[in-house]
Structures are given as C-alpha cells and as structure tokens.
Amino acid sequence: MKFPKFVINSFAVLGVISLFLYTCAAADIDEINNTTNNLPINSGGIYQVSRAGGDGSLIVVLNTETGVMKTYRYNANANGWSDSSQFQEITFTH
C-alpha cells in the first residue's frame, strides 16, 4: 500500500518540528545549568587554619575578616586547644 504524498510530507514536517523543539529545550536546560554553576558560593567560613610545629601540637588560626592571627597549643590535660601565650597575636592590615 502506498502512502499519499501529503501523509509522508506530514510525517517529515512533524519530525522536523520535533527535532527543533527538542534542541531548543536542551539549549534552555544547558543555559540554566551554566548560569547556576557559575554563581559564587559563600560557605560562611571566615577562618583559615594551619597546623604548625613538628609534632602538630600547635595550630595557627587566621580570621580573614579582621586579619587577626592567633596561635593555639594542644593541652593534653584539658583534652583541648587553648591560647598560646608563648606566641604574640598578629594583625594583618592588607
């Protein structure tokens, strides 16, 4: 059975329209994903922490908002960290 030409042409047009709609929808999704991935993320952290000393008993903490850097020593008796009076507090201004 042969299809009339208008039926074949109708399916061809329907395929072209479907392809066009599919590609437009995919482009919109890519655009949305790219704009949301490029937004800056604020994790809320304002401290930078670094281990110091050969045995790891010291940590240096920098407050990035105020520029104040403090050194803490691990106190095994108190099972925690405490201010180290051995090291002076430093403030960075730039």
C-alpha atoms as a PDB file:
ATOM      1  CA  MET A   1       0.000   0.000   0.000  1.00  0.00           C
ATOM      2  CA  LYS A   2       1.413   3.335  -0.996  1.00  0.00           C
ATOM      3  CA  PHE A   3       1.004   6.332   1.257  1.00  0.00           C
ATOM      4  CA  PRO A   4      -0.202   9.500  -0.323  1.00  0.00           C
ATOM      5  CA  LYS A   5       2.468  12.195  -0.562  1.00  0.00           C
ATOM      6  CA  PHE A   6       0.748  14.503   1.920  1.00  0.00           C
ATOM      7  CA  VAL A   7       0.950  11.799   4.667  1.00  0.00           C
ATOM      8  CA  ILE A   8       4.682  11.276   4.037  1.00  0.00           C
ATOM      9  CA  ASN A   9       5.246  15.032   3.978  1.00  0.00           C
ATOM     10  CA  SER A  10       3.203  15.421   7.185  1.00  0.00           C
ATOM     11  CA  PHE A  11       5.427  12.921   8.999  1.00  0.00           C
ATOM     12  CA  ALA A  12       8.533  14.672   7.664  1.00  0.00           C
ATOM     13  CA  VAL A  13       7.285  18.062   8.884  1.00  0.00           C
ATOM     14  CA  LEU A  14       6.330  16.549  12.238  1.00  0.00           C
ATOM     15  CA  GLY A  15       9.867  15.115  12.575  1.00  0.00           C
ATOM     16  CA  VAL A  16      11.484  18.467  11.755  1.00  0.00           C
ATOM     17  CA  ILE A  17       9.267  20.297  14.255  1.00  0.00           C
ATOM     18  CA  SER A  18      10.001  17.678  16.944  1.00  0.00           C
ATOM     19  CA  LEU A  19      13.728  17.968  16.341  1.00  0.00           C
ATOM     20  CA  PHE A  20      13.540  21.760  16.532  1.00  0.00           C
ATOM     21  CA  LEU A  21      11.570  21.695  19.812  1.00  0.00           C
ATOM     22  CA  TYR A  22      13.913  19.100  21.302  1.00  0.00           C
ATOM     23  CA  THR A  23      17.037  21.113  20.527  1.00  0.00           C
ATOM     24  CA  CYS A  24      15.502  24.333  21.862  1.00  0.00           C
ATOM     25  CA  ALA A  25      14.525  22.626  25.118  1.00  0.00           C
ATOM     26  CA  ALA A  26      18.015  21.160  25.527  1.00  0.00           C
ATOM     27  CA  ALA A  27      19.609  24.573  24.918  1.00  0.00           C
ATOM     28  CA  ASP A  28      17.460  26.133  27.652  1.00  0.00           C
ATOM     29  CA  ILE A  29      18.479  23.456  30.157  1.00  0.00           C
ATOM     30  CA  ASP A  30      22.163  23.938  29.333  1.00  0.00           C
ATOM     31  CA  GLU A  31      21.784  27.682  29.784  1.00  0.00           C
ATOM     32  CA  ILE A  32      20.152  27.242  33.187  1.00  0.00           C
ATOM     33  CA  ASN A  33      22.811  24.784  34.355  1.00  0.00           C
ATOM     34  CA  ASN A  34      25.661  27.028  33.245  1.00  0.00           C
ATOM     35  CA  THR A  35      24.314  30.109  34.995  1.00  0.00           C
ATOM     36  CA  THR A  36      23.663  28.309  38.279  1.00  0.00           C
ATOM     37  CA  ASN A  37      27.075  26.605  38.298  1.00  0.00           C
ATOM     38  CA  ASN A  38      28.931  29.897  37.859  1.00  0.00           C
ATOM     39  CA  LEU A  39      27.415  31.617  40.871  1.00  0.00           C
ATOM     40  CA  PRO A  40      29.823  32.237  43.752  1.00  0.00           C
ATOM     41  CA  ILE A  41      29.239  30.084  46.790  1.00  0.00           C
ATOM     42  CA  ASN A  42      29.601  31.616  50.224  1.00  0.00           C
ATOM     43  CA  SER A  43      30.323  28.831  52.655  1.00  0.00           C
ATOM     44  CA  GLY A  44      30.255  31.231  55.579  1.00  0.00           C
ATOM     45  CA  GLY A  45      33.783  30.335  56.683  1.00  0.00           C
ATOM     46  CA  ILE A  46      35.935  33.217  57.801  1.00  0.00           C
ATOM     47  CA  TYR A  47      38.789  31.250  59.386  1.00  0.00           C
ATOM     48  CA  GLN A  48      41.880  29.706  57.824  1.00  0.00           C
ATOM     49  CA  VAL A  49      43.512  27.058  59.983  1.00  0.00           C
ATOM     50  CA  SER A  50      47.010  25.650  59.588  1.00  0.00           C
ATOM     51  CA  ARG A  51      48.939  23.124  61.627  1.00  0.00           C
ATOM     52  CA  ALA A  52      52.279  24.314  62.969  1.00  0.00           C
ATOM     53  CA  GLY A  53      55.101  22.734  64.895  1.00  0.00           C
ATOM     54  CA  GLY A  54      56.798  19.442  64.154  1.00  0.00           C
ATOM     55  CA  ASP A  55      54.607  17.385  66.450  1.00  0.00           C
ATOM     56  CA  GLY A  56      51.329  19.054  65.422  1.00  0.00           C
ATOM     57  CA  SER A  57      50.707  20.468  68.880  1.00  0.00           C
ATOM     58  CA  LEU A  58      50.227  23.994  67.516  1.00  0.00           C
ATOM     59  CA  ILE A  59      47.620  25.422  65.164  1.00  0.00           C
ATOM     60  CA  VAL A  60      47.539  28.903  63.696  1.00  0.00           C
ATOM     61  CA  VAL A  61      44.120  30.439  63.020  1.00  0.00           C
ATOM     62  CA  LEU A  62      43.609  33.468  60.757  1.00  0.00           C
ATOM     63  CA  ASN A  63      40.339  35.382  60.882  1.00  0.00           C
ATOM     64  CA  THR A  64      40.028  36.581  57.276  1.00  0.00           C
ATOM     65  CA  GLU A  65      37.521  39.323  58.151  1.00  0.00           C
ATOM     66  CA  THR A  66      39.559  41.047  60.853  1.00  0.00           C
ATOM     67  CA  GLY A  67      43.069  39.948  59.857  1.00  0.00           C
ATOM     68  CA  VAL A  68      43.848  38.692  63.366  1.00  0.00           C
ATOM     69  CA  MET A  69      46.018  35.578  63.584  1.00  0.00           C
ATOM     70  CA  LYS A  70      46.247  33.590  66.835  1.00  0.00           C
ATOM     71  CA  THR A  71      48.247  30.536  67.811  1.00  0.00           C
ATOM     72  CA  TYR A  72      46.736  27.729  69.883  1.00  0.00           C
ATOM     73  CA  ARG A  73      48.533  24.895  71.702  1.00  0.00           C
ATOM     74  CA  TYR A  74      47.044  21.478  72.382  1.00  0.00           C
ATOM     75  CA  ASN A  75      46.585  20.949  76.108  1.00  0.00           C
ATOM     76  CA  ALA A  76      46.584  17.204  76.813  1.00  0.00           C
ATOM     77  CA  ASN A  77      45.458  17.717  80.430  1.00  0.00           C
ATOM     78  CA  ALA A  78      42.355  19.648  79.357  1.00  0.00           C
ATOM     79  CA  ASN A  79      41.954  17.478  76.235  1.00  0.00           C
ATOM     80  CA  GLY A  80      41.552  20.538  74.021  1.00  0.00           C
ATOM     81  CA  TRP A  81      43.127  23.652  72.498  1.00  0.00           C
ATOM     82  CA  SER A  82      43.992  26.793  74.434  1.00  0.00           C
ATOM     83  CA  ASP A  83      45.541  30.197  73.609  1.00  0.00           C
ATOM     84  CA  SER A  84      49.298  30.016  73.498  1.00  0.00           C
ATOM     85  CA  SER A  85      50.852  32.841  75.496  1.00  0.00           C
ATOM     86  CA  GLN A  86      54.215  31.923  74.001  1.00  0.00           C
ATOM     87  CA  PHE A  87      53.255  33.476  70.633  1.00  0.00           C
ATOM     88  CA  GLN A  88      52.037  37.036  70.122  1.00  0.00           C
ATOM     89  CA  GLU A  89      48.788  37.784  68.320  1.00  0.00           C
ATOM     90  CA  ILE A  90      49.398  39.240  64.829  1.00  0.00           C
ATOM     91  CA  THR A  91      47.067  41.563  62.870  1.00  0.00           C
ATOM     92  CA  PHE A  92      47.356  41.773  59.086  1.00  0.00           C
ATOM     93  CA  THR A  93      46.121  45.044  57.591  1.00  0.00           C
ATOM     94  CA  HIS A  94      46.390  44.455  53.863  1.00  0.00           C
END
